Amino acid sequence: MDLIAMGAPDDEYDPEVSTILPRLREAKAAVDVQRIVHEEFVRWFGADLVGPLTNCADIAEKMRGTWLACGQCV
């Protein structure tokens, strides 16, 4: 959503993170993370603002990589 880049506080996404992280355990691949992020962002921001599932592909890849790198430490 680029809110932080627009000057929002660093903790701007904390509510969304709190609903995404618990669901990451069900993700088997980046496409699952993409679906989870998209579903939660639609819930928080609305479908019109979030757009299509493909808008979440880049962040899903980064999140999945971080999740795997930390050994599912969260």
PDB file of N, CA and C in Angstrom:
ATOM      1  N   MET A   1       0.829  -1.198   0.000  1.00  0.00           N
ATOM      2  CA  MET A   1       0.000   0.000   0.000  1.00  0.00           C
ATOM      3  C   MET A   1       0.869   1.255   0.000  1.00  0.00           C
ATOM      4  N   ASP A   2       2.156   1.119   0.270  1.00  0.00           N
ATOM      5  CA  ASP A   2       3.112   2.230   0.235  1.00  0.00           C
ATOM      6  C   ASP A   2       2.813   3.344   1.237  1.00  0.00           C
ATOM      7  N   LEU A   3       2.119   3.031   2.298  1.00  0.00           N
ATOM      8  CA  LEU A   3       1.795   4.058   3.286  1.00  0.00           C
ATOM      9  C   LEU A   3       3.037   4.564   4.011  1.00  0.00           C
ATOM     10  N   ILE A   4       3.961   3.681   4.322  1.00  0.00           N
ATOM     11  CA  ILE A   4       5.183   4.090   5.032  1.00  0.00           C
ATOM     12  C   ILE A   4       6.017   4.998   4.137  1.00  0.00           C
ATOM     13  N   ALA A   5       6.083   4.667   2.855  1.00  0.00           N
ATOM     14  CA  ALA A   5       6.827   5.503   1.905  1.00  0.00           C
ATOM     15  C   ALA A   5       6.224   6.900   1.806  1.00  0.00           C
ATOM     16  N   MET A   6       4.942   7.007   2.121  1.00  0.00           N
ATOM     17  CA  MET A   6       4.261   8.305   2.082  1.00  0.00           C
ATOM     18  C   MET A   6       4.353   9.046   3.409  1.00  0.00           C
ATOM     19  N   GLY A   7       5.125   8.492   4.370  1.00  0.00           N
ATOM     20  CA  GLY A   7       5.328   9.185   5.629  1.00  0.00           C
ATOM     21  C   GLY A   7       4.549   8.645   6.813  1.00  0.00           C
ATOM     22  N   ALA A   8       3.854   7.533   6.635  1.00  0.00           N
ATOM     23  CA  ALA A   8       3.126   6.935   7.756  1.00  0.00           C
ATOM     24  C   ALA A   8       4.131   6.365   8.768  1.00  0.00           C
ATOM     25  N   PRO A   9       3.737   6.202  10.024  1.00  0.00           N
ATOM     26  CA  PRO A   9       4.630   5.644  11.039  1.00  0.00           C
ATOM     27  C   PRO A   9       5.080   4.224  10.681  1.00  0.00           C
ATOM     28  N   ASP A  10       6.243   3.830  11.195  1.00  0.00           N
ATOM     29  CA  ASP A  10       6.791   2.504  10.919  1.00  0.00           C
ATOM     30  C   ASP A  10       5.865   1.367  11.344  1.00  0.00           C
ATOM     31  N   ASP A  11       5.020   1.614  12.331  1.00  0.00           N
ATOM     32  CA  ASP A  11       4.113   0.569  12.810  1.00  0.00           C
ATOM     33  C   ASP A  11       2.748   0.607  12.114  1.00  0.00           C
ATOM     34  N   GLU A  12       2.664   1.294  11.018  1.00  0.00           N
ATOM     35  CA  GLU A  12       1.400   1.482  10.295  1.00  0.00           C
ATOM     36  C   GLU A  12       0.716   0.167   9.951  1.00  0.00           C
ATOM     37  N   TYR A  13       1.492  -0.852   9.631  1.00  0.00           N
ATOM     38  CA  TYR A  13       0.918  -2.126   9.199  1.00  0.00           C
ATOM     39  C   TYR A  13       0.789  -3.151  10.322  1.00  0.00           C
ATOM     40  N   ASP A  14       1.023  -2.778  11.551  1.00  0.00           N
ATOM     41  CA  ASP A  14       0.943  -3.738  12.659  1.00  0.00           C
ATOM     42  C   ASP A  14      -0.388  -4.488  12.730  1.00  0.00           C
ATOM     43  N   PRO A  15      -1.532  -3.825  12.564  1.00  0.00           N
ATOM     44  CA  PRO A  15      -2.795  -4.580  12.618  1.00  0.00           C
ATOM     45  C   PRO A  15      -2.887  -5.654  11.531  1.00  0.00           C
ATOM     46  N   GLU A  16      -2.440  -5.313  10.325  1.00  0.00           N
ATOM     47  CA  GLU A  16      -2.490  -6.275   9.232  1.00  0.00           C
ATOM     48  C   GLU A  16      -1.521  -7.429   9.480  1.00  0.00           C
ATOM     49  N   VAL A  17      -0.342  -7.097   9.977  1.00  0.00           N
ATOM     50  CA  VAL A  17       0.663  -8.120  10.284  1.00  0.00           C
ATOM     51  C   VAL A  17       0.105  -9.095  11.320  1.00  0.00           C
ATOM     52  N   SER A  18      -0.641  -8.580  12.275  1.00  0.00           N
ATOM     53  CA  SER A  18      -1.182  -9.444  13.329  1.00  0.00           C
ATOM     54  C   SER A  18      -2.203 -10.449  12.811  1.00  0.00           C
ATOM     55  N   THR A  19      -2.790 -10.195  11.642  1.00  0.00           N
ATOM     56  CA  THR A  19      -3.726 -11.166  11.063  1.00  0.00           C
ATOM     57  C   THR A  19      -3.058 -12.026   9.989  1.00  0.00           C
ATOM     58  N   ILE A  20      -1.959 -11.556   9.421  1.00  0.00           N
ATOM     59  CA  ILE A  20      -1.249 -12.316   8.387  1.00  0.00           C
ATOM     60  C   ILE A  20      -0.332 -13.364   9.009  1.00  0.00           C
ATOM     61  N   LEU A  21       0.466 -12.985   9.997  1.00  0.00           N
ATOM     62  CA  LEU A  21       1.457 -13.904  10.566  1.00  0.00           C
ATOM     63  C   LEU A  21       0.875 -15.240  11.029  1.00  0.00           C
ATOM     64  N   PRO A  22      -0.215 -15.252  11.770  1.00  0.00           N
ATOM     65  CA  PRO A  22      -0.733 -16.555  12.215  1.00  0.00           C
ATOM     66  C   PRO A  22      -1.127 -17.467  11.055  1.00  0.00           C
ATOM     67  N   ARG A  23      -1.489 -16.873   9.937  1.00  0.00           N
ATOM     68  CA  ARG A  23      -1.929 -17.657   8.788  1.00  0.00           C
ATOM     69  C   ARG A  23      -0.774 -18.198   7.957  1.00  0.00           C
ATOM     70  N   LEU A  24       0.428 -17.678   8.144  1.00  0.00           N
ATOM     71  CA  LEU A  24       1.561 -18.125   7.334  1.00  0.00           C
ATOM     72  C   LEU A  24       1.887 -19.593   7.553  1.00  0.00           C
ATOM     73  N   ARG A  25       1.526 -20.124   8.690  1.00  0.00           N
ATOM     74  CA  ARG A  25       1.789 -21.544   8.951  1.00  0.00           C
ATOM     75  C   ARG A  25       1.062 -22.449   7.962  1.00  0.00           C
ATOM     76  N   GLU A  26      -0.041 -21.962   7.417  1.00  0.00           N
ATOM     77  CA  GLU A  26      -0.806 -22.761   6.454  1.00  0.00           C
ATOM     78  C   GLU A  26      -0.243 -22.640   5.032  1.00  0.00           C
ATOM     79  N   ALA A  27       0.699 -21.740   4.809  1.00  0.00           N
ATOM     80  CA  ALA A  27       1.258 -21.503   3.480  1.00  0.00           C
ATOM     81  C   ALA A  27       2.328 -22.539   3.151  1.00  0.00           C
ATOM     82  N   LYS A  28       2.164 -23.202   2.039  1.00  0.00           N
ATOM     83  CA  LYS A  28       3.140 -24.199   1.579  1.00  0.00           C
ATOM     84  C   LYS A  28       4.046 -23.625   0.490  1.00  0.00           C
ATOM     85  N   ALA A  29       3.618 -22.542  -0.148  1.00  0.00           N
ATOM     86  CA  ALA A  29       4.375 -21.940  -1.250  1.00  0.00           C
ATOM     87  C   ALA A  29       4.087 -20.447  -1.292  1.00  0.00           C
ATOM     88  N   ALA A  30       4.880 -19.725  -2.082  1.00  0.00           N
ATOM     89  CA  ALA A  30       4.698 -18.277  -2.198  1.00  0.00           C
ATOM     90  C   ALA A  30       3.293 -17.922  -2.669  1.00  0.00           C
ATOM     91  N   VAL A  31       2.716 -18.752  -3.512  1.00  0.00           N
ATOM     92  CA  VAL A  31       1.358 -18.475  -3.995  1.00  0.00           C
ATOM     93  C   VAL A  31       0.346 -18.488  -2.845  1.00  0.00           C
ATOM     94  N   ASP A  32       0.601 -19.320  -1.839  1.00  0.00           N
ATOM     95  CA  ASP A  32      -0.269 -19.351  -0.659  1.00  0.00           C
ATOM     96  C   ASP A  32      -0.111 -18.060   0.150  1.00  0.00           C
ATOM     97  N   VAL A  33       1.129 -17.602   0.283  1.00  0.00           N
ATOM     98  CA  VAL A  33       1.383 -16.338   0.985  1.00  0.00           C
ATOM     99  C   VAL A  33       0.706 -15.200   0.227  1.00  0.00           C
ATOM    100  N   GLN A  34       0.802 -15.232  -1.075  1.00  0.00           N
ATOM    101  CA  GLN A  34       0.167 -14.209  -1.907  1.00  0.00           C
ATOM    102  C   GLN A  34      -1.337 -14.159  -1.653  1.00  0.00           C
ATOM    103  N   ARG A  35      -1.967 -15.315  -1.603  1.00  0.00           N
ATOM    104  CA  ARG A  35      -3.411 -15.380  -1.353  1.00  0.00           C
ATOM    105  C   ARG A  35      -3.747 -14.847   0.040  1.00  0.00           C
ATOM    106  N   ILE A  36      -2.961 -15.245   1.032  1.00  0.00           N
ATOM    107  CA  ILE A  36      -3.198 -14.802   2.411  1.00  0.00           C
ATOM    108  C   ILE A  36      -3.067 -13.285   2.516  1.00  0.00           C
ATOM    109  N   VAL A  37      -1.984 -12.745   1.975  1.00  0.00           N
ATOM    110  CA  VAL A  37      -1.772 -11.292   2.030  1.00  0.00           C
ATOM    111  C   VAL A  37      -2.900 -10.575   1.310  1.00  0.00           C
ATOM    112  N   HIS A  38      -3.278 -11.065   0.149  1.00  0.00           N
ATOM    113  CA  HIS A  38      -4.353 -10.429  -0.608  1.00  0.00           C
ATOM    114  C   HIS A  38      -5.663 -10.461   0.169  1.00  0.00           C
ATOM    115  N   GLU A  39      -6.006 -11.613   0.725  1.00  0.00           N
ATOM    116  CA  GLU A  39      -7.248 -11.726   1.497  1.00  0.00           C
ATOM    117  C   GLU A  39      -7.263 -10.763   2.680  1.00  0.00           C
ATOM    118  N   GLU A  40      -6.157 -10.696   3.397  1.00  0.00           N
ATOM    119  CA  GLU A  40      -6.112  -9.818   4.568  1.00  0.00           C
ATOM    120  C   GLU A  40      -6.106  -8.342   4.166  1.00  0.00           C
ATOM    121  N   PHE A  41      -5.370  -7.996   3.116  1.00  0.00           N
ATOM    122  CA  PHE A  41      -5.378  -6.602   2.670  1.00  0.00           C
ATOM    123  C   PHE A  41      -6.755  -6.196   2.168  1.00  0.00           C
ATOM    124  N   VAL A  42      -7.442  -7.086   1.474  1.00  0.00           N
ATOM    125  CA  VAL A  42      -8.808  -6.790   1.037  1.00  0.00           C
ATOM    126  C   VAL A  42      -9.698  -6.577   2.248  1.00  0.00           C
ATOM    127  N   ARG A  43      -9.511  -7.403   3.259  1.00  0.00           N
ATOM    128  CA  ARG A  43     -10.314  -7.261   4.489  1.00  0.00           C
ATOM    129  C   ARG A  43     -10.052  -5.913   5.163  1.00  0.00           C
ATOM    130  N   TRP A  44      -8.791  -5.492   5.199  1.00  0.00           N
ATOM    131  CA  TRP A  44      -8.425  -4.256   5.886  1.00  0.00           C
ATOM    132  C   TRP A  44      -8.647  -3.005   5.043  1.00  0.00           C
ATOM    133  N   PHE A  45      -8.371  -3.094   3.732  1.00  0.00           N
ATOM    134  CA  PHE A  45      -8.379  -1.888   2.894  1.00  0.00           C
ATOM    135  C   PHE A  45      -9.488  -1.864   1.848  1.00  0.00           C
ATOM    136  N   GLY A  46     -10.082  -3.012   1.543  1.00  0.00           N
ATOM    137  CA  GLY A  46     -11.112  -3.089   0.525  1.00  0.00           C
ATOM    138  C   GLY A  46     -10.544  -3.506  -0.826  1.00  0.00           C
ATOM    139  N   ALA A  47     -11.349  -4.249  -1.573  1.00  0.00           N
ATOM    140  CA  ALA A  47     -10.917  -4.807  -2.853  1.00  0.00           C
ATOM    141  C   ALA A  47     -10.553  -3.741  -3.871  1.00  0.00           C
ATOM    142  N   ASP A  48     -11.276  -2.647  -3.886  1.00  0.00           N
ATOM    143  CA  ASP A  48     -10.999  -1.592  -4.865  1.00  0.00           C
ATOM    144  C   ASP A  48      -9.613  -0.998  -4.671  1.00  0.00           C
ATOM    145  N   LEU A  49      -9.202  -0.812  -3.450  1.00  0.00           N
ATOM    146  CA  LEU A  49      -7.897  -0.226  -3.159  1.00  0.00           C
ATOM    147  C   LEU A  49      -6.757  -1.234  -3.360  1.00  0.00           C
ATOM    148  N   VAL A  50      -6.979  -2.477  -2.998  1.00  0.00           N
ATOM    149  CA  VAL A  50      -5.942  -3.504  -3.084  1.00  0.00           C
ATOM    150  C   VAL A  50      -5.729  -3.966  -4.519  1.00  0.00           C
ATOM    151  N   GLY A  51      -6.800  -4.131  -5.247  1.00  0.00           N
ATOM    152  CA  GLY A  51      -6.689  -4.587  -6.624  1.00  0.00           C
ATOM    153  C   GLY A  51      -6.575  -6.101  -6.719  1.00  0.00           C
ATOM    154  N   PRO A  52      -6.074  -6.583  -7.862  1.00  0.00           N
ATOM    155  CA  PRO A  52      -6.040  -8.025  -8.099  1.00  0.00           C
ATOM    156  C   PRO A  52      -4.983  -8.744  -7.269  1.00  0.00           C
ATOM    157  N   LEU A  53      -5.139 -10.043  -7.194  1.00  0.00           N
ATOM    158  CA  LEU A  53      -4.223 -10.906  -6.454  1.00  0.00           C
ATOM    159  C   LEU A  53      -2.782 -10.694  -6.888  1.00  0.00           C
ATOM    160  N   THR A  54      -2.558 -10.470  -8.154  1.00  0.00           N
ATOM    161  CA  THR A  54      -1.195 -10.305  -8.678  1.00  0.00           C
ATOM    162  C   THR A  54      -0.470  -9.115  -8.069  1.00  0.00           C
ATOM    163  N   ASN A  55      -1.192  -8.155  -7.533  1.00  0.00           N
ATOM    164  CA  ASN A  55      -0.563  -7.002  -6.877  1.00  0.00           C
ATOM    165  C   ASN A  55       0.215  -7.399  -5.630  1.00  0.00           C
ATOM    166  N   CYS A  56      -0.058  -8.567  -5.101  1.00  0.00           N
ATOM    167  CA  CYS A  56       0.599  -9.023  -3.870  1.00  0.00           C
ATOM    168  C   CYS A  56       1.735 -10.003  -4.136  1.00  0.00           C
ATOM    169  N   ALA A  57       2.084 -10.242  -5.382  1.00  0.00           N
ATOM    170  CA  ALA A  57       3.089 -11.254  -5.722  1.00  0.00           C
ATOM    171  C   ALA A  57       4.473 -10.907  -5.174  1.00  0.00           C
ATOM    172  N   ASP A  58       4.932  -9.678  -5.369  1.00  0.00           N
ATOM    173  CA  ASP A  58       6.278  -9.305  -4.928  1.00  0.00           C
ATOM    174  C   ASP A  58       6.423  -9.392  -3.414  1.00  0.00           C
ATOM    175  N   ILE A  59       5.465  -8.846  -2.697  1.00  0.00           N
ATOM    176  CA  ILE A  59       5.558  -8.871  -1.240  1.00  0.00           C
ATOM    177  C   ILE A  59       5.438 -10.310  -0.728  1.00  0.00           C
ATOM    178  N   ALA A  60       4.653 -11.132  -1.393  1.00  0.00           N
ATOM    179  CA  ALA A  60       4.515 -12.528  -0.985  1.00  0.00           C
ATOM    180  C   ALA A  60       5.839 -13.274  -1.119  1.00  0.00           C
ATOM    181  N   GLU A  61       6.555 -13.041  -2.211  1.00  0.00           N
ATOM    182  CA  GLU A  61       7.858 -13.683  -2.402  1.00  0.00           C
ATOM    183  C   GLU A  61       8.829 -13.260  -1.301  1.00  0.00           C
ATOM    184  N   LYS A  62       8.854 -11.972  -0.985  1.00  0.00           N
ATOM    185  CA  LYS A  62       9.748 -11.471   0.061  1.00  0.00           C
ATOM    186  C   LYS A  62       9.365 -12.045   1.423  1.00  0.00           C
ATOM    187  N   MET A  63       8.077 -12.064   1.714  1.00  0.00           N
ATOM    188  CA  MET A  63       7.623 -12.590   3.003  1.00  0.00           C
ATOM    189  C   MET A  63       7.937 -14.067   3.143  1.00  0.00           C
ATOM    190  N   ARG A  64       7.703 -14.823   2.094  1.00  0.00           N
ATOM    191  CA  ARG A  64       7.973 -16.273   2.134  1.00  0.00           C
ATOM    192  C   ARG A  64       9.466 -16.514   2.355  1.00  0.00           C
ATOM    193  N   GLY A  65      10.310 -15.759   1.669  1.00  0.00           N
ATOM    194  CA  GLY A  65      11.750 -15.888   1.836  1.00  0.00           C
ATOM    195  C   GLY A  65      12.195 -15.580   3.251  1.00  0.00           C
ATOM    196  N   THR A  66      11.652 -14.526   3.817  1.00  0.00           N
ATOM    197  CA  THR A  66      11.984 -14.156   5.193  1.00  0.00           C
ATOM    198  C   THR A  66      11.491 -15.217   6.172  1.00  0.00           C
ATOM    199  N   TRP A  67      10.278 -15.700   5.951  1.00  0.00           N
ATOM    200  CA  TRP A  67       9.686 -16.735   6.798  1.00  0.00           C
ATOM    201  C   TRP A  67      10.556 -17.979   6.804  1.00  0.00           C
ATOM    202  N   LEU A  68      11.006 -18.404   5.626  1.00  0.00           N
ATOM    203  CA  LEU A  68      11.853 -19.594   5.531  1.00  0.00           C
ATOM    204  C   LEU A  68      13.242 -19.358   6.128  1.00  0.00           C
ATOM    205  N   ALA A  69      13.783 -18.143   5.912  1.00  0.00           N
ATOM    206  CA  ALA A  69      15.112 -17.825   6.415  1.00  0.00           C
ATOM    207  C   ALA A  69      15.178 -17.827   7.943  1.00  0.00           C
ATOM    208  N   CYS A  70      14.108 -17.430   8.572  1.00  0.00           N
ATOM    209  CA  CYS A  70      14.123 -17.376  10.033  1.00  0.00           C
ATOM    210  C   CYS A  70      13.672 -18.704  10.645  1.00  0.00           C
ATOM    211  N   GLY A  71      13.418 -19.690   9.823  1.00  0.00           N
ATOM    212  CA  GLY A  71      13.021 -20.993  10.347  1.00  0.00           C
ATOM    213  C   GLY A  71      11.655 -20.960  10.991  1.00  0.00           C
ATOM    214  N   GLN A  72      10.763 -20.135  10.445  1.00  0.00           N
ATOM    215  CA  GLN A  72       9.423 -19.964  10.979  1.00  0.00           C
ATOM    216  C   GLN A  72       9.465 -19.569  12.445  1.00  0.00           C
ATOM    217  N   CYS A  73      10.331 -18.587  12.720  1.00  0.00           N
ATOM    218  CA  CYS A  73      10.592 -18.168  14.101  1.00  0.00           C
ATOM    219  C   CYS A  73       9.469 -17.348  14.706  1.00  0.00           C
ATOM    220  N   VAL A  74       8.530 -16.894  13.921  1.00  0.00           N
ATOM    221  CA  VAL A  74       7.452 -16.068  14.477  1.00  0.00           C
ATOM    222  C   VAL A  74       6.265 -16.891  14.852  1.00  0.00           C
TER     223      VAL A  74
END
